[in-house]
Structure formats: C-alpha cells, structure tokens
C-alpha atoms as a PDB file:
ATOM      1  CA  MET A   1      46.447  62.828 105.919  1.00  0.00           C
ATOM      2  CA  SER A   2      45.722  64.596 109.358  1.00  0.00           C
ATOM      3  CA  LEU A   3      46.691  67.904 109.980  1.00  0.00           C
ATOM      4  CA  LYS A   4      49.729  66.561 112.581  1.00  0.00           C
ATOM      5  CA  LYS A   5      51.051  64.632 109.903  1.00  0.00           C
ATOM      6  CA  LEU A   6      50.805  67.440 107.423  1.00  0.00           C
ATOM      7  CA  LEU A   7      52.332  69.756 109.931  1.00  0.00           C
ATOM      8  CA  PHE A   8      55.204  67.214 110.829  1.00  0.00           C
ATOM      9  CA  THR A   9      56.045  66.799 106.724  1.00  0.00           C
ATOM     10  CA  LEU A  10      55.885  70.727 106.335  1.00  0.00           C
ATOM     11  CA  LEU A  11      58.465  71.195 109.097  1.00  0.00           C
ATOM     12  CA  LEU A  12      60.821  68.374 107.215  1.00  0.00           C
ATOM     13  CA  LEU A  13      60.521  70.330 103.977  1.00  0.00           C
ATOM     14  CA  PRO A  14      63.483  72.830 104.398  1.00  0.00           C
ATOM     15  CA  SER A  15      65.533  69.821 105.031  1.00  0.00           C
ATOM     16  CA  LEU A  16      64.764  67.810 102.298  1.00  0.00           C
ATOM     17  CA  GLY A  17      67.693  68.016  99.439  1.00  0.00           C
ATOM     18  CA  ALA A  18      70.048  69.526 101.727  1.00  0.00           C
ATOM     19  CA  ASN A  19      72.634  66.862 101.918  1.00  0.00           C
ATOM     20  CA  ALA A  20      76.083  67.847 100.769  1.00  0.00           C
ATOM     21  CA  THR A  21      77.513  67.622  97.655  1.00  0.00           C
ATOM     22  CA  LEU A  22      81.240  66.783  97.266  1.00  0.00           C
ATOM     23  CA  ILE A  23      84.116  67.519  94.608  1.00  0.00           C
ATOM     24  CA  SER A  24      86.702  64.946  96.185  1.00  0.00           C
ATOM     25  CA  ASN A  25      89.601  62.535  95.364  1.00  0.00           C
ATOM     26  CA  ILE A  26      90.571  62.140  98.845  1.00  0.00           C
ATOM     27  CA  ASP A  27      89.032  58.715  98.771  1.00  0.00           C
ATOM     28  CA  ASN A  28      91.930  58.118  96.653  1.00  0.00           C
ATOM     29  CA  PHE A  29      94.669  59.242  98.911  1.00  0.00           C
ATOM     30  CA  ASN A  30      96.082  55.930  99.360  1.00  0.00           C
ATOM     31  CA  ASN A  31      97.574  56.274  96.019  1.00  0.00           C
ATOM     32  CA  ARG A  32      99.222  59.588  97.231  1.00  0.00           C
ATOM     33  CA  THR A  33     102.259  61.438  96.258  1.00  0.00           C
ATOM     34  CA  PHE A  34     104.105  64.419  97.468  1.00  0.00           C
ATOM     35  CA  LEU A  35     103.826  67.289  95.126  1.00  0.00           C
ATOM     36  CA  SER A  36     106.867  69.834  95.628  1.00  0.00           C
ATOM     37  CA  GLY A  37     107.567  71.898  98.229  1.00  0.00           C
ATOM     38  CA  LEU A  38     105.286  74.894  99.452  1.00  0.00           C
ATOM     39  CA  GLY A  39     107.137  77.349 101.358  1.00  0.00           C
ATOM     40  CA  HIS A  40     109.523  80.471 102.073  1.00  0.00           C
ATOM     41  CA  ASP A  41     112.925  80.874 100.095  1.00  0.00           C
ATOM     42  CA  GLY A  42     116.315  80.524 102.150  1.00  0.00           C
ATOM     43  CA  TYR A  43     119.703  79.554 102.184  1.00  0.00           C
ATOM     44  CA  VAL A  44     121.196  75.929 103.046  1.00  0.00           C
ATOM     45  CA  VAL A  45     124.676  76.122 104.247  1.00  0.00           C
ATOM     46  CA  ASN A  46     126.775  73.070 103.497  1.00  0.00           C
ATOM     47  CA  GLY A  47     123.556  70.945 103.418  1.00  0.00           C
ATOM     48  CA  PRO A  48     122.235  67.934 101.867  1.00  0.00           C
ATOM     49  CA  LEU A  49     121.214  70.292  98.883  1.00  0.00           C
ATOM     50  CA  ASP A  50     124.613  71.740  98.782  1.00  0.00           C
ATOM     51  CA  PRO A  51     127.289  69.664  97.493  1.00  0.00           C
ATOM     52  CA  ALA A  52     130.266  71.903  97.794  1.00  0.00           C
ATOM     53  CA  PRO A  53     130.958  74.002 100.806  1.00  0.00           C
ATOM     54  CA  GLY A  54     129.302  77.836 100.567  1.00  0.00           C
ATOM     55  CA  LEU A  55     125.812  78.720 100.260  1.00  0.00           C
ATOM     56  CA  GLN A  56     123.258  77.779  98.124  1.00  0.00           C
ATOM     57  CA  PHE A  57     120.115  79.650  97.454  1.00  0.00           C
ATOM     58  CA  VAL A  58     116.627  77.530  97.307  1.00  0.00           C
ATOM     59  CA  ASP A  59     113.703  79.193  95.621  1.00  0.00           C
ATOM     60  CA  ALA A  60     110.553  77.552  97.361  1.00  0.00           C
ATOM     61  CA  THR A  61     107.170  77.398  95.558  1.00  0.00           C
ATOM     62  CA  GLU A  62     104.924  79.907  96.985  1.00  0.00           C
ATOM     63  CA  THR A  63     101.500  79.326  95.825  1.00  0.00           C
ATOM     64  CA  TYR A  64      99.846  75.773  95.038  1.00  0.00           C
ATOM     65  CA  GLY A  65      95.806  75.540  94.252  1.00  0.00           C
ATOM     66  CA  GLN A  66      93.281  73.323  92.635  1.00  0.00           C
ATOM     67  CA  THR A  67      91.152  74.457  89.817  1.00  0.00           C
ATOM     68  CA  PHE A  68      87.668  73.458  89.644  1.00  0.00           C
ATOM     69  CA  THR A  69      84.023  73.781  88.053  1.00  0.00           C
ATOM     70  CA  VAL A  70      81.062  74.485  90.161  1.00  0.00           C
ATOM     71  CA  GLY A  71      77.978  72.122  89.581  1.00  0.00           C
ATOM     72  CA  ASN A  72      74.415  72.863  90.465  1.00  0.00           C
ATOM     73  CA  ASP A  73      74.816  73.083  93.985  1.00  0.00           C
ATOM     74  CA  SER A  74      77.053  76.305  94.520  1.00  0.00           C
ATOM     75  CA  ILE A  75      77.287  77.318  98.127  1.00  0.00           C
ATOM     76  CA  LEU A  76      80.960  76.458  99.238  1.00  0.00           C
ATOM     77  CA  ASP A  77      81.205  75.655 102.656  1.00  0.00           C
ATOM     78  CA  SER A  78      84.588  74.273 103.384  1.00  0.00           C
ATOM     79  CA  PHE A  79      88.025  73.432 101.358  1.00  0.00           C
ATOM     80  CA  SER A  80      90.097  70.395 102.910  1.00  0.00           C
ATOM     81  CA  PHE A  81      93.660  69.349 101.874  1.00  0.00           C
ATOM     82  CA  PHE A  82      97.089  67.370 103.065  1.00  0.00           C
ATOM     83  CA  LEU A  83     100.431  69.068 104.171  1.00  0.00           C
ATOM     84  CA  ALA A  84     103.403  67.237 105.569  1.00  0.00           C
ATOM     85  CA  ASN A  85     106.465  68.766 107.326  1.00  0.00           C
ATOM     86  CA  ASN A  86     109.484  67.835 105.337  1.00  0.00           C
ATOM     87  CA  GLN A  87     111.592  68.141 108.480  1.00  0.00           C
ATOM     88  CA  ASN A  88     110.904  67.935 111.871  1.00  0.00           C
ATOM     89  CA  ASP A  89     110.928  71.411 113.760  1.00  0.00           C
ATOM     90  CA  VAL A  90     110.568  73.298 110.200  1.00  0.00           C
ATOM     91  CA  PHE A  91     107.273  74.745 109.782  1.00  0.00           C
ATOM     92  CA  ILE A  92     105.730  77.558 107.344  1.00  0.00           C
ATOM     93  CA  ASP A  93     102.958  80.043 108.012  1.00  0.00           C
ATOM     94  CA  PHE A  94     100.342  79.767 104.928  1.00  0.00           C
ATOM     95  CA  ALA A  95      96.860  81.345 103.882  1.00  0.00           C
ATOM     96  CA  VAL A  96      93.923  79.898 101.877  1.00  0.00           C
ATOM     97  CA  TYR A  97      92.306  81.667  99.353  1.00  0.00           C
ATOM     98  CA  LEU A  98      89.778  81.442  96.553  1.00  0.00           C
ATOM     99  CA  MET A  99      89.707  83.314  93.187  1.00  0.00           C
ATOM    100  CA  ALA A 100      87.788  82.631  89.760  1.00  0.00           C
ATOM    101  CA  TRP A 101      89.778  81.170  87.342  1.00  0.00           C
ATOM    102  CA  ASP A 102      90.602  82.180  83.585  1.00  0.00           C
ATOM    103  CA  GLY A 103      92.196  78.942  82.514  1.00  0.00           C
ATOM    104  CA  ASP A 104      95.665  80.176  82.805  1.00  0.00           C
ATOM    105  CA  LYS A 105      96.026  82.468  85.976  1.00  0.00           C
ATOM    106  CA  ALA A 106      93.431  83.808  88.999  1.00  0.00           C
ATOM    107  CA  GLU A 107      91.477  86.398  88.124  1.00  0.00           C
ATOM    108  CA  GLY A 108      89.372  89.269  89.845  1.00  0.00           C
ATOM    109  CA  PRO A 109      88.982  89.824  93.173  1.00  0.00           C
ATOM    110  CA  VAL A 110      89.879  87.469  95.992  1.00  0.00           C
ATOM    111  CA  LEU A 111      86.576  85.652  97.144  1.00  0.00           C
ATOM    112  CA  PHE A 112      87.799  84.269 100.202  1.00  0.00           C
ATOM    113  CA  GLU A 113      90.871  84.702 102.449  1.00  0.00           C
ATOM    114  CA  SER A 114      91.268  82.430 105.586  1.00  0.00           C
ATOM    115  CA  SER A 115      93.033  83.740 108.635  1.00  0.00           C
ATOM    116  CA  PRO A 116      96.668  83.009 109.271  1.00  0.00           C
ATOM    117  CA  LEU A 117      97.333  78.837 108.973  1.00  0.00           C
ATOM    118  CA  SER A 118     100.545  76.902 110.264  1.00  0.00           C
ATOM    119  CA  THR A 119     101.790  73.568 109.916  1.00  0.00           C
ATOM    120  CA  ALA A 120     103.381  74.052 113.546  1.00  0.00           C
ATOM    121  CA  ASN A 121     100.679  71.138 114.648  1.00  0.00           C
ATOM    122  CA  VAL A 122     101.391  68.756 111.978  1.00  0.00           C
ATOM    123  CA  ALA A 123     102.492  65.279 113.443  1.00  0.00           C
ATOM    124  CA  GLY A 124     105.975  64.713 111.940  1.00  0.00           C
ATOM    125  CA  ALA A 125     108.512  65.008 108.994  1.00  0.00           C
ATOM    126  CA  ARG A 126     106.667  63.300 105.856  1.00  0.00           C
ATOM    127  CA  GLN A 127     103.787  62.531 107.320  1.00  0.00           C
ATOM    128  CA  PHE A 128     100.165  63.884 106.123  1.00  0.00           C
ATOM    129  CA  ASP A 129      97.482  66.304 108.207  1.00  0.00           C
ATOM    130  CA  LEU A 130      94.354  66.924 106.882  1.00  0.00           C
ATOM    131  CA  PHE A 131      93.847  70.553 107.015  1.00  0.00           C
ATOM    132  CA  SER A 132      89.989  71.871 106.457  1.00  0.00           C
ATOM    133  CA  VAL A 133      89.220  75.423 106.289  1.00  0.00           C
ATOM    134  CA  MET A 134      85.466  76.476 106.455  1.00  0.00           C
ATOM    135  CA  THR A 135      84.623  79.171 103.830  1.00  0.00           C
ATOM    136  CA  ASN A 136      81.426  80.721 105.365  1.00  0.00           C
ATOM    137  CA  SER A 137      79.129  79.730 102.802  1.00  0.00           C
ATOM    138  CA  LEU A 138      80.686  81.417  99.799  1.00  0.00           C
ATOM    139  CA  ALA A 139      78.053  81.525  97.117  1.00  0.00           C
ATOM    140  CA  LEU A 140      79.764  80.763  93.339  1.00  0.00           C
ATOM    141  CA  GLU A 141      78.337  80.517  89.915  1.00  0.00           C
ATOM    142  CA  THR A 142      77.276  77.307  88.592  1.00  0.00           C
ATOM    143  CA  GLY A 143      79.060  76.410  85.512  1.00  0.00           C
ATOM    144  CA  ARG A 144      82.119  78.895  86.123  1.00  0.00           C
ATOM    145  CA  GLU A 145      85.738  77.689  86.972  1.00  0.00           C
ATOM    146  CA  TYR A 146      87.556  78.491  90.133  1.00  0.00           C
ATOM    147  CA  VAL A 147      90.695  78.131  92.031  1.00  0.00           C
ATOM    148  CA  ALA A 148      91.366  77.230  95.619  1.00  0.00           C
ATOM    149  CA  PHE A 149      94.546  77.614  96.523  1.00  0.00           C
ATOM    150  CA  LEU A 150      97.529  78.059  99.524  1.00  0.00           C
ATOM    151  CA  SER A 151     100.177  80.699  99.466  1.00  0.00           C
ATOM    152  CA  THR A 152     102.846  81.947 101.708  1.00  0.00           C
ATOM    153  CA  SER A 153     102.830  85.126  99.745  1.00  0.00           C
ATOM    154  CA  ALA A 154     101.487  87.313 102.720  1.00  0.00           C
ATOM    155  CA  PHE A 155     104.373  85.890 104.861  1.00  0.00           C
ATOM    156  CA  PHE A 156     107.088  86.475 102.294  1.00  0.00           C
ATOM    157  CA  ASP A 157     110.374  87.710 103.658  1.00  0.00           C
ATOM    158  CA  PRO A 158     112.426  89.667 100.833  1.00  0.00           C
ATOM    159  CA  ASN A 159     115.446  90.154 103.177  1.00  0.00           C
ATOM    160  CA  VAL A 160     116.599  86.550 102.739  1.00  0.00           C
ATOM    161  CA  SER A 161     119.918  86.196 104.803  1.00  0.00           C
ATOM    162  CA  GLU A 162     122.477  83.636 105.069  1.00  0.00           C
ATOM    163  CA  ASP A 163     121.215  82.476 108.465  1.00  0.00           C
ATOM    164  CA  THR A 164     117.572  82.090 107.384  1.00  0.00           C
ATOM    165  CA  ALA A 165     116.979  78.480 106.118  1.00  0.00           C
ATOM    166  CA  PRO A 166     114.687  77.670 103.498  1.00  0.00           C
ATOM    167  CA  ARG A 167     110.995  76.554 104.891  1.00  0.00           C
ATOM    168  CA  SER A 168     108.764  74.176 102.856  1.00  0.00           C
ATOM    169  CA  VAL A 169     106.229  71.462 103.500  1.00  0.00           C
ATOM    170  CA  SER A 170     105.253  68.787 100.867  1.00  0.00           C
ATOM    171  CA  VAL A 171     101.276  69.065  99.218  1.00  0.00           C
ATOM    172  CA  GLY A 172      99.575  66.257  99.281  1.00  0.00           C
ATOM    173  CA  GLY A 173      98.680  64.816  95.649  1.00  0.00           C
ATOM    174  CA  VAL A 174      96.989  61.863  93.816  1.00  0.00           C
ATOM    175  CA  ASN A 175      98.778  60.050  91.091  1.00  0.00           C
ATOM    176  CA  GLY A 176      96.986  60.709  87.839  1.00  0.00           C
ATOM    177  CA  ASN A 177      94.274  63.083  86.856  1.00  0.00           C
ATOM    178  CA  SER A 178      91.372  61.431  88.916  1.00  0.00           C
ATOM    179  CA  TYR A 179      89.423  64.903  88.587  1.00  0.00           C
ATOM    180  CA  THR A 180      88.862  65.621  84.824  1.00  0.00           C
ATOM    181  CA  GLU A 181      87.177  69.181  85.299  1.00  0.00           C
ATOM    182  CA  GLY A 182      90.162  70.941  87.047  1.00  0.00           C
ATOM    183  CA  ARG A 183      93.885  70.250  88.028  1.00  0.00           C
ATOM    184  CA  ALA A 184      96.520  71.016  90.027  1.00  0.00           C
ATOM    185  CA  VAL A 185      98.368  74.433  89.627  1.00  0.00           C
ATOM    186  CA  PHE A 186     101.399  76.576  90.948  1.00  0.00           C
ATOM    187  CA  ILE A 187     103.196  79.419  90.533  1.00  0.00           C
ATOM    188  CA  ASN A 188     106.869  81.027  91.757  1.00  0.00           C
ATOM    189  CA  ASN A 189     105.409  84.422  92.828  1.00  0.00           C
ATOM    190  CA  ASP A 190     107.623  85.343  95.527  1.00  0.00           C
ATOM    191  CA  GLY A 191     105.969  88.142  97.914  1.00  0.00           C
ATOM    192  CA  ASP A 192     103.909  89.611  94.612  1.00  0.00           C
ATOM    193  CA  PHE A 193     100.624  88.341  95.046  1.00  0.00           C
ATOM    194  CA  ALA A 194      99.447  90.353  92.291  1.00  0.00           C
ATOM    195  CA  SER A 195     101.158  88.365  89.878  1.00  0.00           C
ATOM    196  CA  LEU A 196      98.896  85.803  90.930  1.00  0.00           C
ATOM    197  CA  THR A 197      96.428  87.544  88.236  1.00  0.00           C
ATOM    198  CA  SER A 198      98.915  88.745  85.372  1.00  0.00           C
ATOM    199  CA  GLN A 199     101.199  85.909  85.113  1.00  0.00           C
ATOM    200  CA  THR A 200     100.412  82.172  83.645  1.00  0.00           C
ATOM    201  CA  TRP A 201     100.470  79.334  86.644  1.00  0.00           C
ATOM    202  CA  ASN A 202     102.104  75.974  85.713  1.00  0.00           C
ATOM    203  CA  GLY A 203     100.259  72.613  85.921  1.00  0.00           C
ATOM    204  CA  PHE A 204     101.206  69.376  87.501  1.00  0.00           C
ATOM    205  CA  SER A 205     100.552  65.961  86.042  1.00  0.00           C
ATOM    206  CA  ASN A 206      98.724  64.592  89.227  1.00  0.00           C
ATOM    207  CA  ASP A 207      96.129  66.107  91.169  1.00  0.00           C
ATOM    208  CA  PHE A 208      96.267  67.859  94.266  1.00  0.00           C
ATOM    209  CA  ALA A 209      94.554  65.821  97.079  1.00  0.00           C
ATOM    210  CA  PHE A 210      91.417  68.168  97.982  1.00  0.00           C
ATOM    211  CA  SER A 211      87.802  68.059  98.800  1.00  0.00           C
ATOM    212  CA  LEU A 212      85.449  70.533  98.673  1.00  0.00           C
ATOM    213  CA  GLU A 213      82.159  70.734 100.109  1.00  0.00           C
ATOM    214  CA  PHE A 214      78.895  72.264  98.671  1.00  0.00           C
ATOM    215  CA  SER A 215      75.420  73.116 100.111  1.00  0.00           C
ATOM    216  CA  PRO A 216      72.416  73.534  97.750  1.00  0.00           C
ATOM    217  CA  THR A 217      71.442  77.282  96.991  1.00  0.00           C
ATOM    218  CA  GLU A 218      68.090  77.367  98.867  1.00  0.00           C
ATOM    219  CA  VAL A 219      65.220  78.572  96.967  1.00  0.00           C
ATOM    220  CA  PRO A 220      61.973  79.709  99.019  1.00  0.00           C
ATOM    221  CA  GLU A 221      59.139  76.957  98.470  1.00  0.00           C
ATOM    222  CA  PRO A 222      55.992  79.168  98.249  1.00  0.00           C
ATOM    223  CA  SER A 223      53.524  76.400  97.810  1.00  0.00           C
ATOM    224  CA  ALA A 224      54.932  74.692 101.336  1.00  0.00           C
ATOM    225  CA  LEU A 225      54.543  77.794 102.998  1.00  0.00           C
ATOM    226  CA  ALA A 226      51.283  78.292 101.679  1.00  0.00           C
ATOM    227  CA  LEU A 227      50.437  74.480 102.710  1.00  0.00           C
ATOM    228  CA  PHE A 228      51.729  75.519 106.234  1.00  0.00           C
ATOM    229  CA  GLY A 229      49.027  78.467 106.686  1.00  0.00           C
ATOM    230  CA  LEU A 230      46.278  76.337 105.480  1.00  0.00           C
ATOM    231  CA  ALA A 231      47.563  73.565 107.718  1.00  0.00           C
ATOM    232  CA  LEU A 232      47.784  76.495 110.909  1.00  0.00           C
ATOM    233  CA  ALA A 233      44.290  77.828 109.940  1.00  0.00           C
ATOM    234  CA  GLY A 234      42.827  74.356 109.798  1.00  0.00           C
ATOM    235  CA  MET A 235      43.766  73.714 113.401  1.00  0.00           C
ATOM    236  CA  ALA A 236      42.507  76.884 114.465  1.00  0.00           C
ATOM    237  CA  ILE A 237      39.148  76.101 113.048  1.00  0.00           C
ATOM    238  CA  ARG A 238      39.365  72.877 114.382  1.00  0.00           C
ATOM    239  CA  ARG A 239      39.898  73.766 117.859  1.00  0.00           C
ATOM    240  CA  ARG A 240      36.915  76.499 117.706  1.00  0.00           C
ATOM    241  CA  LYS A 241      34.433  73.227 116.770  1.00  0.00           C
ATOM    242  CA  THR A 242      35.480  71.363 119.477  1.00  0.00           C
ATOM    243  CA  LYS A 243      35.288  74.108 122.159  1.00  0.00           C
END
C-alpha cells in the first residue's frame, strides 16, 4: 500500500462504525393511536364534558414517558415523539426530561432537562407533529433502564379558577407492544415533581411512539495513531531521499 493510500485509510478510521443506532417504533406510526391527554388541570363550564349546568373539574395527566434499555451504543443524541392539539388554539407548555428507571418509577437525579417547549406551532387539532429534542450527547450506562418523559409539572398552576379551561394535548402512541425492552408510562403528579421518584407510575398496553438516537462511545485507537505516526515519518524520510 502506498503512503498516500495508507494516510487516506487512517483518516477514515475515526468515522468507521460511527453510524447512529436507533431504538424506535416510528416506522409503525401508521398503526398509531392517541394516548390520553398530557396537560394542565382546569374547569369546563357547561362544556361537552359537563352534561349538567355548572362546573366540572378536569384533572389532566402531567407526565408521560417511555422506558427503554440502553444497548452497546450508549451516547444518547436525541429523543423524538409526537403530539397533537386536541382543540384549535389550545396549547400547552412542557419540558422533556431523562432519568434512570427502577422498574416502577424514576430514580436519582435528572440527567437531562430540555428548555421549555410548546405545542403552539402544531399544525391543527388532532394532527400529530413530530418533536425532536437534542440531548447533548448524554452518556448513559449500557444495560441500564431509563425513562424519557414529557411533563407539564414545572408549568403547573395550583390556583385553578373558574375561568381557567383545561389544556391538554394527545400523545402519539403505537398500538400494541412493539418495543419489548420498555413501556409507555404516566403519572398524575400535578406540580409535585418530587413524586416522580417516590410514587409508582402507571403503564399503558400500547406503546409511546418514539425514537431514541444513539452514537457509539468513542474509544481511542492506539494502533491506528501509531500507524498514522509511522506514515508521517515515512513520508518525511521519503522526501529527504528525493531531494
């Protein structure tokens, strides 16, 4: 092999095996379903949810998530999911989080928290939009279970008044249990974020529609670096001989 070819091969080495790994069921989204509403509490005044005159309090679910098990590629780059507004001009604010999962509930510190997000730009009522959140190359542990979740808890208003309408959106799901190393989960925790690690979450029979993108953990290749150094040295010697 010529020195030029060797150098070209060595320059390509860092990119070998760098393809992203996906944990995803989005390909099955044609088999989609609406999971229950993620949102804020509020009152319906003589509305369709209230068959009699007066007020009806609607207790929305503040937190929905998907548990998953990390494979060999353990650097999480992004988390994607679907949301749909239930009514035109009725939006919610929320954030995306990631924590470890103990089989029943979240545990430990928050490993990732997104900036505040909103469904204000979702196309229209009952139309799903794809949200993708970059997770800053978050290093996770191979073989461990985690939960990626959406929550309105940080935006929860405990002072719900009679003129406060409930706000909720539908979370995109996939019928059946296509992903066997995790499940869709939820908890009604109002504004109590601490209860996410102290109370057992509930589960769904259907999956959360989601995609998690991982990149491999990069390990230095001493042998490749050594070859690269030898190639450079060889080029220097060759230049001296040709002078």
